[in-house]
PDB file of N, CA and C in Angstrom:
ATOM      1  N   MET A   1      12.120 -15.073  10.619  1.00  0.00           N
ATOM      2  CA  MET A   1      11.010 -14.726   9.761  1.00  0.00           C
ATOM      3  C   MET A   1       9.837 -14.268  10.056  1.00  0.00           C
ATOM      4  N   SER A   2       9.490 -14.745  11.676  1.00  0.00           N
ATOM      5  CA  SER A   2       8.197 -14.307  12.001  1.00  0.00           C
ATOM      6  C   SER A   2       8.365 -12.516  12.670  1.00  0.00           C
ATOM      7  N   ASP A   3       9.697 -12.328  12.805  1.00  0.00           N
ATOM      8  CA  ASP A   3       9.964 -10.874  13.365  1.00  0.00           C
ATOM      9  C   ASP A   3       9.461  -9.870  12.251  1.00  0.00           C
ATOM     10  N   VAL A   4       9.805 -10.428  10.672  1.00  0.00           N
ATOM     11  CA  VAL A   4       9.358  -9.814   9.682  1.00  0.00           C
ATOM     12  C   VAL A   4       7.845  -9.378   9.620  1.00  0.00           C
ATOM     13  N   GLN A   5       7.199 -10.861   9.897  1.00  0.00           N
ATOM     14  CA  GLN A   5       5.869 -11.136   9.767  1.00  0.00           C
ATOM     15  C   GLN A   5       5.139 -10.036  11.057  1.00  0.00           C
ATOM     16  N   ASP A   6       5.806 -10.004  11.892  1.00  0.00           N
ATOM     17  CA  ASP A   6       5.194  -9.269  12.819  1.00  0.00           C
ATOM     18  C   ASP A   6       5.655  -7.598  12.703  1.00  0.00           C
ATOM     19  N   THR A   7       6.640  -7.123  12.039  1.00  0.00           N
ATOM     20  CA  THR A   7       6.821  -5.962  11.402  1.00  0.00           C
ATOM     21  C   THR A   7       5.688  -5.509  10.335  1.00  0.00           C
ATOM     22  N   ILE A   8       5.745  -6.497   9.430  1.00  0.00           N
ATOM     23  CA  ILE A   8       4.594  -5.998   8.268  1.00  0.00           C
ATOM     24  C   ILE A   8       3.231  -6.114   8.635  1.00  0.00           C
ATOM     25  N   ARG A   9       2.655  -7.101   9.988  1.00  0.00           N
ATOM     26  CA  ARG A   9       1.475  -6.977  10.408  1.00  0.00           C
ATOM     27  C   ARG A   9       1.148  -5.426  11.405  1.00  0.00           C
ATOM     28  N   GLU A  10       1.995  -4.722  11.848  1.00  0.00           N
ATOM     29  CA  GLU A  10       2.252  -3.581  12.683  1.00  0.00           C
ATOM     30  C   GLU A  10       1.879  -2.317  11.925  1.00  0.00           C
ATOM     31  N   GLN A  11       2.634  -2.661  10.549  1.00  0.00           N
ATOM     32  CA  GLN A  11       2.531  -1.367   9.553  1.00  0.00           C
ATOM     33  C   GLN A  11       1.364  -1.618   8.846  1.00  0.00           C
ATOM     34  N   VAL A  12       0.954  -2.658   8.621  1.00  0.00           N
ATOM     35  CA  VAL A  12      -0.554  -2.587   8.213  1.00  0.00           C
ATOM     36  C   VAL A  12      -1.372  -2.766   8.812  1.00  0.00           C
ATOM     37  N   GLN A  13      -1.506  -2.677  10.232  1.00  0.00           N
ATOM     38  CA  GLN A  13      -2.207  -2.369  11.172  1.00  0.00           C
ATOM     39  C   GLN A  13      -2.460  -1.000  11.758  1.00  0.00           C
ATOM     40  N   SER A  14      -1.177  -0.080  11.591  1.00  0.00           N
ATOM     41  CA  SER A  14      -1.278   1.089  12.152  1.00  0.00           C
ATOM     42  C   SER A  14      -1.286   2.244  10.674  1.00  0.00           C
ATOM     43  N   ASN A  15      -1.403   1.851   9.875  1.00  0.00           N
ATOM     44  CA  ASN A  15      -1.589   3.050   8.364  1.00  0.00           C
ATOM     45  C   ASN A  15      -2.987   2.167   7.851  1.00  0.00           C
ATOM     46  N   PRO A  16      -3.869   3.363   8.243  1.00  0.00           N
ATOM     47  CA  PRO A  16      -5.042   2.915   7.188  1.00  0.00           C
ATOM     48  C   PRO A  16      -4.774   2.832   5.612  1.00  0.00           C
ATOM     49  N   VAL A  17      -3.930   3.402   4.864  1.00  0.00           N
ATOM     50  CA  VAL A  17      -3.797   3.505   3.705  1.00  0.00           C
ATOM     51  C   VAL A  17      -2.459   3.153   3.369  1.00  0.00           C
ATOM     52  N   LEU A  18      -1.622   2.129   2.942  1.00  0.00           N
ATOM     53  CA  LEU A  18      -0.273   1.605   2.881  1.00  0.00           C
ATOM     54  C   LEU A  18       0.172   1.071   1.734  1.00  0.00           C
ATOM     55  N   LEU A  19       1.013   1.731   0.943  1.00  0.00           N
ATOM     56  CA  LEU A  19       1.494   1.126  -0.416  1.00  0.00           C
ATOM     57  C   LEU A  19       2.984   0.493  -0.061  1.00  0.00           C
ATOM     58  N   TYR A  20       3.071  -0.891  -0.262  1.00  0.00           N
ATOM     59  CA  TYR A  20       4.431  -1.251  -0.235  1.00  0.00           C
ATOM     60  C   TYR A  20       4.936  -0.979  -1.819  1.00  0.00           C
ATOM     61  N   MET A  21       5.949  -0.513  -1.873  1.00  0.00           N
ATOM     62  CA  MET A  21       6.285   0.086  -3.544  1.00  0.00           C
ATOM     63  C   MET A  21       7.884  -0.505  -3.513  1.00  0.00           C
ATOM     64  N   LYS A  22       8.559  -0.079  -4.868  1.00  0.00           N
ATOM     65  CA  LYS A  22       9.754   0.019  -5.032  1.00  0.00           C
ATOM     66  C   LYS A  22      10.148   1.535  -5.047  1.00  0.00           C
ATOM     67  N   GLY A  23      10.726   2.102  -3.991  1.00  0.00           N
ATOM     68  CA  GLY A  23      11.074   3.364  -3.896  1.00  0.00           C
ATOM     69  C   GLY A  23       9.972   4.355  -2.989  1.00  0.00           C
ATOM     70  N   SER A  24      10.067   5.581  -3.469  1.00  0.00           N
ATOM     71  CA  SER A  24       9.048   6.068  -2.741  1.00  0.00           C
ATOM     72  C   SER A  24       8.200   6.948  -3.907  1.00  0.00           C
ATOM     73  N   PRO A  25       6.897   7.486  -3.395  1.00  0.00           N
ATOM     74  CA  PRO A  25       6.321   8.154  -4.317  1.00  0.00           C
ATOM     75  C   PRO A  25       6.600   9.137  -4.784  1.00  0.00           C
ATOM     76  N   GLN A  26       7.907   9.849  -4.491  1.00  0.00           N
ATOM     77  CA  GLN A  26       8.359  11.299  -5.197  1.00  0.00           C
ATOM     78  C   GLN A  26       9.475  10.571  -6.010  1.00  0.00           C
ATOM     79  N   PHE A  27       9.974   9.407  -5.691  1.00  0.00           N
ATOM     80  CA  PHE A  27      10.994   8.648  -6.563  1.00  0.00           C
ATOM     81  C   PHE A  27      10.888   7.308  -6.606  1.00  0.00           C
ATOM     82  N   PRO A  28       9.828   6.910  -7.502  1.00  0.00           N
ATOM     83  CA  PRO A  28       9.448   5.545  -7.606  1.00  0.00           C
ATOM     84  C   PRO A  28      10.660   4.704  -8.431  1.00  0.00           C
ATOM     85  N   GLN A  29      11.179   3.824  -7.828  1.00  0.00           N
ATOM     86  CA  GLN A  29      11.913   2.783  -8.599  1.00  0.00           C
ATOM     87  C   GLN A  29      11.629   1.691 -10.011  1.00  0.00           C
ATOM     88  N   CYS A  30      10.154   1.780  -9.800  1.00  0.00           N
ATOM     89  CA  CYS A  30       9.745   1.023 -10.805  1.00  0.00           C
ATOM     90  C   CYS A  30       8.417   1.481 -11.605  1.00  0.00           C
ATOM     91  N   GLY A  31       7.900   1.466 -12.638  1.00  0.00           N
ATOM     92  CA  GLY A  31       6.830   1.840 -13.171  1.00  0.00           C
ATOM     93  C   GLY A  31       5.330   1.565 -12.559  1.00  0.00           C
ATOM     94  N   PHE A  32       5.198   0.292 -12.048  1.00  0.00           N
ATOM     95  CA  PHE A  32       4.055  -0.150 -11.405  1.00  0.00           C
ATOM     96  C   PHE A  32       4.286   0.348 -10.451  1.00  0.00           C
ATOM     97  N   SER A  33       5.122   0.953  -9.600  1.00  0.00           N
ATOM     98  CA  SER A  33       5.254   1.317  -8.202  1.00  0.00           C
ATOM     99  C   SER A  33       4.913   2.904  -8.441  1.00  0.00           C
ATOM    100  N   MET A  34       5.587   3.311  -9.396  1.00  0.00           N
ATOM    101  CA  MET A  34       5.058   5.033  -9.756  1.00  0.00           C
ATOM    102  C   MET A  34       3.362   4.898 -10.144  1.00  0.00           C
ATOM    103  N   ARG A  35       2.864   4.215 -11.019  1.00  0.00           N
ATOM    104  CA  ARG A  35       1.281   4.361 -11.513  1.00  0.00           C
ATOM    105  C   ARG A  35       0.767   4.057 -10.120  1.00  0.00           C
ATOM    106  N   ALA A  36       0.920   3.105  -9.335  1.00  0.00           N
ATOM    107  CA  ALA A  36       0.210   3.020  -8.179  1.00  0.00           C
ATOM    108  C   ALA A  36       0.149   4.414  -7.044  1.00  0.00           C
ATOM    109  N   ALA A  37       1.244   4.751  -6.777  1.00  0.00           N
ATOM    110  CA  ALA A  37       1.526   5.604  -6.062  1.00  0.00           C
ATOM    111  C   ALA A  37       0.591   7.075  -6.818  1.00  0.00           C
ATOM    112  N   GLN A  38       0.805   7.214  -8.185  1.00  0.00           N
ATOM    113  CA  GLN A  38       0.055   8.286  -8.757  1.00  0.00           C
ATOM    114  C   GLN A  38      -1.485   8.084  -8.598  1.00  0.00           C
ATOM    115  N   ALA A  39      -1.668   6.936  -8.875  1.00  0.00           N
ATOM    116  CA  ALA A  39      -3.391   6.934  -8.537  1.00  0.00           C
ATOM    117  C   ALA A  39      -3.574   7.260  -7.293  1.00  0.00           C
ATOM    118  N   LEU A  40      -3.156   6.508  -6.013  1.00  0.00           N
ATOM    119  CA  LEU A  40      -3.170   6.883  -4.768  1.00  0.00           C
ATOM    120  C   LEU A  40      -3.067   8.609  -4.608  1.00  0.00           C
ATOM    121  N   ALA A  41      -2.275   9.397  -5.224  1.00  0.00           N
ATOM    122  CA  ALA A  41      -2.216  10.767  -5.082  1.00  0.00           C
ATOM    123  C   ALA A  41      -3.369  11.398  -5.820  1.00  0.00           C
ATOM    124  N   GLY A  42      -3.352  10.693  -6.800  1.00  0.00           N
ATOM    125  CA  GLY A  42      -4.671  11.446  -7.252  1.00  0.00           C
ATOM    126  C   GLY A  42      -6.370  11.050  -6.715  1.00  0.00           C
ATOM    127  N   CYS A  43      -5.990  10.695  -5.879  1.00  0.00           N
ATOM    128  CA  CYS A  43      -7.472  10.731  -4.580  1.00  0.00           C
ATOM    129  C   CYS A  43      -7.330  11.628  -3.742  1.00  0.00           C
ATOM    130  N   GLY A  44      -6.099  12.372  -3.759  1.00  0.00           N
ATOM    131  CA  GLY A  44      -6.356  13.524  -2.663  1.00  0.00           C
ATOM    132  C   GLY A  44      -6.161  13.407  -1.332  1.00  0.00           C
ATOM    133  N   VAL A  45      -5.858  11.847  -0.944  1.00  0.00           N
ATOM    134  CA  VAL A  45      -5.830  11.540   0.522  1.00  0.00           C
ATOM    135  C   VAL A  45      -4.361  11.492   0.834  1.00  0.00           C
ATOM    136  N   GLU A  46      -3.848  11.336   2.113  1.00  0.00           N
ATOM    137  CA  GLU A  46      -2.540  10.739   2.526  1.00  0.00           C
ATOM    138  C   GLU A  46      -2.596   9.759   2.669  1.00  0.00           C
ATOM    139  N   PHE A  47      -1.404   9.212   2.197  1.00  0.00           N
ATOM    140  CA  PHE A  47      -1.122   7.599   2.163  1.00  0.00           C
ATOM    141  C   PHE A  47       0.468   7.452   2.743  1.00  0.00           C
ATOM    142  N   SER A  48       0.176   6.192   3.695  1.00  0.00           N
ATOM    143  CA  SER A  48       1.835   6.075   3.982  1.00  0.00           C
ATOM    144  C   SER A  48       2.309   4.710   2.915  1.00  0.00           C
ATOM    145  N   TYR A  49       3.871   4.929   2.859  1.00  0.00           N
ATOM    146  CA  TYR A  49       4.293   3.557   2.091  1.00  0.00           C
ATOM    147  C   TYR A  49       5.509   2.922   2.653  1.00  0.00           C
ATOM    148  N   VAL A  50       5.692   2.152   2.366  1.00  0.00           N
ATOM    149  CA  VAL A  50       7.270   1.438   2.552  1.00  0.00           C
ATOM    150  C   VAL A  50       7.848   1.286   1.365  1.00  0.00           C
ATOM    151  N   ASN A  51       9.071   1.287   1.327  1.00  0.00           N
ATOM    152  CA  ASN A  51       9.917   0.928   0.163  1.00  0.00           C
ATOM    153  C   ASN A  51      10.728  -0.372   0.667  1.00  0.00           C
ATOM    154  N   VAL A  52       9.969  -1.037  -0.318  1.00  0.00           N
ATOM    155  CA  VAL A  52      10.876  -2.497   0.142  1.00  0.00           C
ATOM    156  C   VAL A  52      11.996  -2.641  -0.431  1.00  0.00           C
ATOM    157  N   LEU A  53      12.613  -1.574  -1.334  1.00  0.00           N
ATOM    158  CA  LEU A  53      14.113  -1.789  -1.466  1.00  0.00           C
ATOM    159  C   LEU A  53      15.019  -1.664  -0.455  1.00  0.00           C
ATOM    160  N   GLU A  54      14.467  -1.011   0.750  1.00  0.00           N
ATOM    161  CA  GLU A  54      15.540  -0.525   1.896  1.00  0.00           C
ATOM    162  C   GLU A  54      15.693  -1.743   2.747  1.00  0.00           C
ATOM    163  N   ASP A  55      14.756  -2.966   2.776  1.00  0.00           N
ATOM    164  CA  ASP A  55      14.696  -3.969   3.621  1.00  0.00           C
ATOM    165  C   ASP A  55      14.449  -5.458   2.609  1.00  0.00           C
ATOM    166  N   GLU A  56      15.569  -6.163   2.606  1.00  0.00           N
ATOM    167  CA  GLU A  56      15.105  -7.425   1.936  1.00  0.00           C
ATOM    168  C   GLU A  56      14.016  -8.347   2.378  1.00  0.00           C
ATOM    169  N   GLY A  57      14.058  -8.526   3.900  1.00  0.00           N
ATOM    170  CA  GLY A  57      13.434  -9.363   4.703  1.00  0.00           C
ATOM    171  C   GLY A  57      11.756  -8.917   4.353  1.00  0.00           C
ATOM    172  N   ILE A  58      11.766  -7.269   4.352  1.00  0.00           N
ATOM    173  CA  ILE A  58      10.103  -7.034   3.756  1.00  0.00           C
ATOM    174  C   ILE A  58      10.020  -7.060   2.632  1.00  0.00           C
ATOM    175  N   ARG A  59      10.688  -6.861   1.867  1.00  0.00           N
ATOM    176  CA  ARG A  59      10.557  -7.215   0.123  1.00  0.00           C
ATOM    177  C   ARG A  59       9.848  -8.510   0.002  1.00  0.00           C
ATOM    178  N   GLN A  60      10.618  -9.323   0.381  1.00  0.00           N
ATOM    179  CA  GLN A  60      10.054 -11.059   0.351  1.00  0.00           C
ATOM    180  C   GLN A  60       8.926 -11.225   1.062  1.00  0.00           C
ATOM    181  N   GLY A  61       9.038 -10.701   2.311  1.00  0.00           N
ATOM    182  CA  GLY A  61       8.088 -10.933   3.581  1.00  0.00           C
ATOM    183  C   GLY A  61       6.454 -10.258   3.329  1.00  0.00           C
ATOM    184  N   ILE A  62       6.341  -9.543   2.347  1.00  0.00           N
ATOM    185  CA  ILE A  62       4.987  -8.827   2.156  1.00  0.00           C
ATOM    186  C   ILE A  62       4.720  -9.657   1.166  1.00  0.00           C
ATOM    187  N   LYS A  63       5.204 -10.568   0.414  1.00  0.00           N
ATOM    188  CA  LYS A  63       4.715 -11.315  -0.576  1.00  0.00           C
ATOM    189  C   LYS A  63       3.760 -12.704   0.019  1.00  0.00           C
ATOM    190  N   ASP A  64       4.611 -13.045   1.259  1.00  0.00           N
ATOM    191  CA  ASP A  64       4.475 -14.186   1.858  1.00  0.00           C
ATOM    192  C   ASP A  64       2.749 -13.793   2.698  1.00  0.00           C
ATOM    193  N   TYR A  65       3.036 -12.417   3.373  1.00  0.00           N
ATOM    194  CA  TYR A  65       2.218 -11.824   4.079  1.00  0.00           C
ATOM    195  C   TYR A  65       0.676 -11.946   3.470  1.00  0.00           C
ATOM    196  N   GLY A  66       0.862 -11.285   2.401  1.00  0.00           N
ATOM    197  CA  GLY A  66      -0.611 -11.048   1.486  1.00  0.00           C
ATOM    198  C   GLY A  66      -0.695 -12.097   0.690  1.00  0.00           C
ATOM    199  N   ASN A  67       0.162 -13.187   0.334  1.00  0.00           N
ATOM    200  CA  ASN A  67       0.161 -14.590  -0.341  1.00  0.00           C
ATOM    201  C   ASN A  67       0.163 -13.367  -1.818  1.00  0.00           C
ATOM    202  N   TRP A  68       0.655 -12.431  -2.002  1.00  0.00           N
ATOM    203  CA  TRP A  68       0.590 -11.940  -3.595  1.00  0.00           C
ATOM    204  C   TRP A  68       1.735 -11.674  -3.880  1.00  0.00           C
ATOM    205  N   PRO A  69       2.161 -12.115  -5.205  1.00  0.00           N
ATOM    206  CA  PRO A  69       3.584 -12.102  -5.440  1.00  0.00           C
ATOM    207  C   PRO A  69       4.226 -11.242  -6.047  1.00  0.00           C
ATOM    208  N   THR A  70       3.580 -10.186  -6.376  1.00  0.00           N
ATOM    209  CA  THR A  70       4.347  -9.168  -6.883  1.00  0.00           C
ATOM    210  C   THR A  70       4.019  -7.801  -6.070  1.00  0.00           C
ATOM    211  N   ILE A  71       5.110  -6.684  -6.098  1.00  0.00           N
ATOM    212  CA  ILE A  71       4.937  -5.365  -5.458  1.00  0.00           C
ATOM    213  C   ILE A  71       4.690  -4.343  -6.694  1.00  0.00           C
ATOM    214  N   PRO A  72       3.813  -3.165  -6.508  1.00  0.00           N
ATOM    215  CA  PRO A  72       3.069  -2.957  -5.307  1.00  0.00           C
ATOM    216  C   PRO A  72       2.125  -3.820  -4.768  1.00  0.00           C
ATOM    217  N   GLN A  73       1.768  -3.113  -3.556  1.00  0.00           N
ATOM    218  CA  GLN A  73       0.825  -4.139  -2.852  1.00  0.00           C
ATOM    219  C   GLN A  73      -0.330  -2.700  -2.044  1.00  0.00           C
ATOM    220  N   LEU A  74      -1.303  -2.774  -2.121  1.00  0.00           N
ATOM    221  CA  LEU A  74      -2.060  -2.058  -1.537  1.00  0.00           C
ATOM    222  C   LEU A  74      -3.000  -2.406  -0.304  1.00  0.00           C
ATOM    223  N   TYR A  75      -2.787  -1.772   0.817  1.00  0.00           N
ATOM    224  CA  TYR A  75      -3.435  -2.393   1.902  1.00  0.00           C
ATOM    225  C   TYR A  75      -4.499  -1.086   2.521  1.00  0.00           C
ATOM    226  N   ILE A  76      -5.560  -1.276   2.441  1.00  0.00           N
ATOM    227  CA  ILE A  76      -6.418  -0.239   3.350  1.00  0.00           C
ATOM    228  C   ILE A  76      -7.251  -0.684   4.204  1.00  0.00           C
ATOM    229  N   ASN A  77      -7.223  -0.226   5.750  1.00  0.00           N
ATOM    230  CA  ASN A  77      -7.535  -0.899   6.795  1.00  0.00           C
ATOM    231  C   ASN A  77      -7.196  -2.362   7.153  1.00  0.00           C
ATOM    232  N   GLY A  78      -6.036  -2.443   6.547  1.00  0.00           N
ATOM    233  CA  GLY A  78      -5.401  -4.090   7.221  1.00  0.00           C
ATOM    234  C   GLY A  78      -5.812  -5.084   5.908  1.00  0.00           C
ATOM    235  N   GLU A  79      -6.618  -4.389   4.595  1.00  0.00           N
ATOM    236  CA  GLU A  79      -7.165  -5.715   3.936  1.00  0.00           C
ATOM    237  C   GLU A  79      -6.285  -5.450   2.536  1.00  0.00           C
ATOM    238  N   LEU A  80      -5.608  -6.466   2.050  1.00  0.00           N
ATOM    239  CA  LEU A  80      -5.038  -6.218   0.677  1.00  0.00           C
ATOM    240  C   LEU A  80      -6.198  -6.086  -0.372  1.00  0.00           C
ATOM    241  N   MET A  81      -5.718  -4.938  -0.774  1.00  0.00           N
ATOM    242  CA  MET A  81      -6.592  -4.811  -2.269  1.00  0.00           C
ATOM    243  C   MET A  81      -6.225  -5.330  -3.216  1.00  0.00           C
ATOM    244  N   GLY A  82      -5.072  -5.494  -3.359  1.00  0.00           N
ATOM    245  CA  GLY A  82      -4.137  -5.855  -4.816  1.00  0.00           C
ATOM    246  C   GLY A  82      -2.925  -5.162  -5.318  1.00  0.00           C
ATOM    247  N   GLY A  83      -2.607  -5.354  -6.502  1.00  0.00           N
ATOM    248  CA  GLY A  83      -1.302  -4.850  -7.055  1.00  0.00           C
ATOM    249  C   GLY A  83      -1.695  -3.874  -7.704  1.00  0.00           C
ATOM    250  N   CYS A  84      -0.679  -3.245  -8.674  1.00  0.00           N
ATOM    251  CA  CYS A  84      -0.880  -2.341  -9.847  1.00  0.00           C
ATOM    252  C   CYS A  84      -2.277  -2.217 -10.518  1.00  0.00           C
ATOM    253  N   ASP A  85      -2.202  -3.337 -11.071  1.00  0.00           N
ATOM    254  CA  ASP A  85      -3.498  -3.555 -12.019  1.00  0.00           C
ATOM    255  C   ASP A  85      -4.880  -3.021 -11.614  1.00  0.00           C
ATOM    256  N   ILE A  86      -4.801  -3.917 -10.299  1.00  0.00           N
ATOM    257  CA  ILE A  86      -6.106  -3.955  -9.607  1.00  0.00           C
ATOM    258  C   ILE A  86      -6.279  -2.354  -9.017  1.00  0.00           C
ATOM    259  N   ILE A  87      -5.177  -1.446  -8.570  1.00  0.00           N
ATOM    260  CA  ILE A  87      -5.073  -0.279  -8.094  1.00  0.00           C
ATOM    261  C   ILE A  87      -5.744   0.738  -9.176  1.00  0.00           C
ATOM    262  N   LEU A  88      -5.129   0.366 -10.631  1.00  0.00           N
ATOM    263  CA  LEU A  88      -5.381   1.074 -11.386  1.00  0.00           C
ATOM    264  C   LEU A  88      -7.039   1.046 -11.729  1.00  0.00           C
ATOM    265  N   GLU A  89      -7.755  -0.415 -11.769  1.00  0.00           N
ATOM    266  CA  GLU A  89      -8.867  -0.506 -12.459  1.00  0.00           C
ATOM    267  C   GLU A  89      -9.814   0.513 -11.098  1.00  0.00           C
ATOM    268  N   MET A  90      -9.339   0.172 -10.011  1.00  0.00           N
ATOM    269  CA  MET A  90     -10.328   0.865  -8.812  1.00  0.00           C
ATOM    270  C   MET A  90     -10.085   2.199  -8.821  1.00  0.00           C
ATOM    271  N   TYR A  91      -8.918   3.178  -9.492  1.00  0.00           N
ATOM    272  CA  TYR A  91      -9.096   4.315  -9.587  1.00  0.00           C
ATOM    273  C   TYR A  91      -9.945   4.640 -10.687  1.00  0.00           C
ATOM    274  N   GLU A  92      -9.817   4.138 -11.715  1.00  0.00           N
ATOM    275  CA  GLU A  92     -10.656   4.383 -13.102  1.00  0.00           C
ATOM    276  C   GLU A  92     -12.123   4.354 -12.513  1.00  0.00           C
ATOM    277  N   SER A  93     -12.615   3.474 -11.724  1.00  0.00           N
ATOM    278  CA  SER A  93     -13.829   3.320 -11.638  1.00  0.00           C
ATOM    279  C   SER A  93     -14.441   3.999 -10.588  1.00  0.00           C
ATOM    280  N   GLY A  94     -13.398   4.529  -9.742  1.00  0.00           N
ATOM    281  CA  GLY A  94     -14.151   5.494  -8.711  1.00  0.00           C
ATOM    282  C   GLY A  94     -13.892   4.749  -7.242  1.00  0.00           C
ATOM    283  N   ASP A  95     -13.501   3.634  -7.347  1.00  0.00           N
ATOM    284  CA  ASP A  95     -13.679   2.772  -5.947  1.00  0.00           C
ATOM    285  C   ASP A  95     -12.533   3.118  -5.215  1.00  0.00           C
ATOM    286  N   LEU A  96     -11.123   3.387  -5.819  1.00  0.00           N
ATOM    287  CA  LEU A  96     -10.295   3.664  -4.930  1.00  0.00           C
ATOM    288  C   LEU A  96     -10.687   4.892  -4.027  1.00  0.00           C
ATOM    289  N   GLN A  97     -11.049   5.777  -4.952  1.00  0.00           N
ATOM    290  CA  GLN A  97     -10.977   7.381  -4.076  1.00  0.00           C
ATOM    291  C   GLN A  97     -12.254   6.760  -2.943  1.00  0.00           C
ATOM    292  N   LYS A  98     -13.321   6.035  -2.914  1.00  0.00           N
ATOM    293  CA  LYS A  98     -13.798   5.815  -2.209  1.00  0.00           C
ATOM    294  C   LYS A  98     -13.547   5.094  -0.977  1.00  0.00           C
ATOM    295  N   ALA A  99     -12.665   4.129  -1.114  1.00  0.00           N
ATOM    296  CA  ALA A  99     -12.141   3.155  -0.088  1.00  0.00           C
ATOM    297  C   ALA A  99     -11.143   3.986   0.978  1.00  0.00           C
ATOM    298  N   VAL A 100     -10.284   4.741  -0.068  1.00  0.00           N
ATOM    299  CA  VAL A 100      -9.324   5.789   0.852  1.00  0.00           C
ATOM    300  C   VAL A 100     -10.117   6.752   1.476  1.00  0.00           C
ATOM    301  N   GLN A 101     -10.900   7.164   1.222  1.00  0.00           N
ATOM    302  CA  GLN A 101     -11.517   8.584   1.708  1.00  0.00           C
ATOM    303  C   GLN A 101     -12.548   7.726   3.126  1.00  0.00           C
ATOM    304  N   ALA A 102     -12.843   6.483   2.969  1.00  0.00           N
ATOM    305  CA  ALA A 102     -13.561   5.730   4.052  1.00  0.00           C
ATOM    306  C   ALA A 102     -12.476   5.551   5.091  1.00  0.00           C
ATOM    307  N   ALA A 103     -11.410   5.134   4.596  1.00  0.00           N
ATOM    308  CA  ALA A 103     -10.201   4.874   5.583  1.00  0.00           C
ATOM    309  C   ALA A 103      -9.905   6.089   6.374  1.00  0.00           C
ATOM    310  N   GLY A 104      -9.600   7.056   5.645  1.00  0.00           N
ATOM    311  CA  GLY A 104      -8.980   8.337   6.106  1.00  0.00           C
ATOM    312  C   GLY A 104     -10.121   8.607   7.058  1.00  0.00           C
ATOM    313  N   SER A 105     -11.391   8.811   7.273  1.00  0.00           N
ATOM    314  CA  SER A 105     -12.244   9.279   7.703  1.00  0.00           C
ATOM    315  C   SER A 105     -12.423   8.315   9.105  1.00  0.00           C
ATOM    316  N   GLU A 106     -12.189   6.940   8.771  1.00  0.00           N
ATOM    317  CA  GLU A 106     -12.458   6.278   9.991  1.00  0.00           C
ATOM    318  C   GLU A 106     -11.312   6.416  11.169  1.00  0.00           C
ATOM    319  N   SER A 107     -10.021   6.992  10.594  1.00  0.00           N
ATOM    320  CA  SER A 107      -8.918   6.955  11.471  1.00  0.00           C
ATOM    321  C   SER A 107      -8.617   8.325  11.749  1.00  0.00           C
ATOM    322  N   ALA A 108      -9.594   9.164  11.254  1.00  0.00           N
ATOM    323  CA  ALA A 108      -9.519  10.502  11.651  1.00  0.00           C
ATOM    324  C   ALA A 108      -9.507  10.625  13.166  1.00  0.00           C
ATOM    325  N   GLY A 109     -10.517  10.089  13.763  1.00  0.00           N
ATOM    326  CA  GLY A 109     -10.709   9.988  15.264  1.00  0.00           C
ATOM    327  C   GLY A 109      -9.680   9.441  16.098  1.00  0.00           C
ATOM    328  N   GLU A 110      -8.832   8.627  15.654  1.00  0.00           N
ATOM    329  CA  GLU A 110      -8.013   7.852  16.331  1.00  0.00           C
ATOM    330  C   GLU A 110      -6.651   8.716  16.416  1.00  0.00           C
ATOM    331  N   SER A 111      -6.110   8.418  17.634  1.00  0.00           N
ATOM    332  CA  SER A 111      -4.786   9.092  17.319  1.00  0.00           C
ATOM    333  C   SER A 111      -3.899   8.565  18.700  1.00  0.00           C
TER     334      SER A 111
END
């Protein structure tokens, strides 16, 4: 189990904007993941994703890692933002755009 948690920690820390979702942004496998990916895409910033359907360990492990029971889950600069409802609320209020743009500009100088 700790190997999975180490993998997740590495993914979260090495990607400024990371969405754990079912499927991919191009081919989401559930409506919640689709809406979350669309909200992020609407911000006009690149983001990374992990398809939890490809690895059962990650699929369960991410729920334990963030102490959040559902997928999708959005991490910005290593911090759990929340699931689909929170992502959509942040998008509608403009907070999501600010958060992802800040994350993108902070990571732009690092490589």
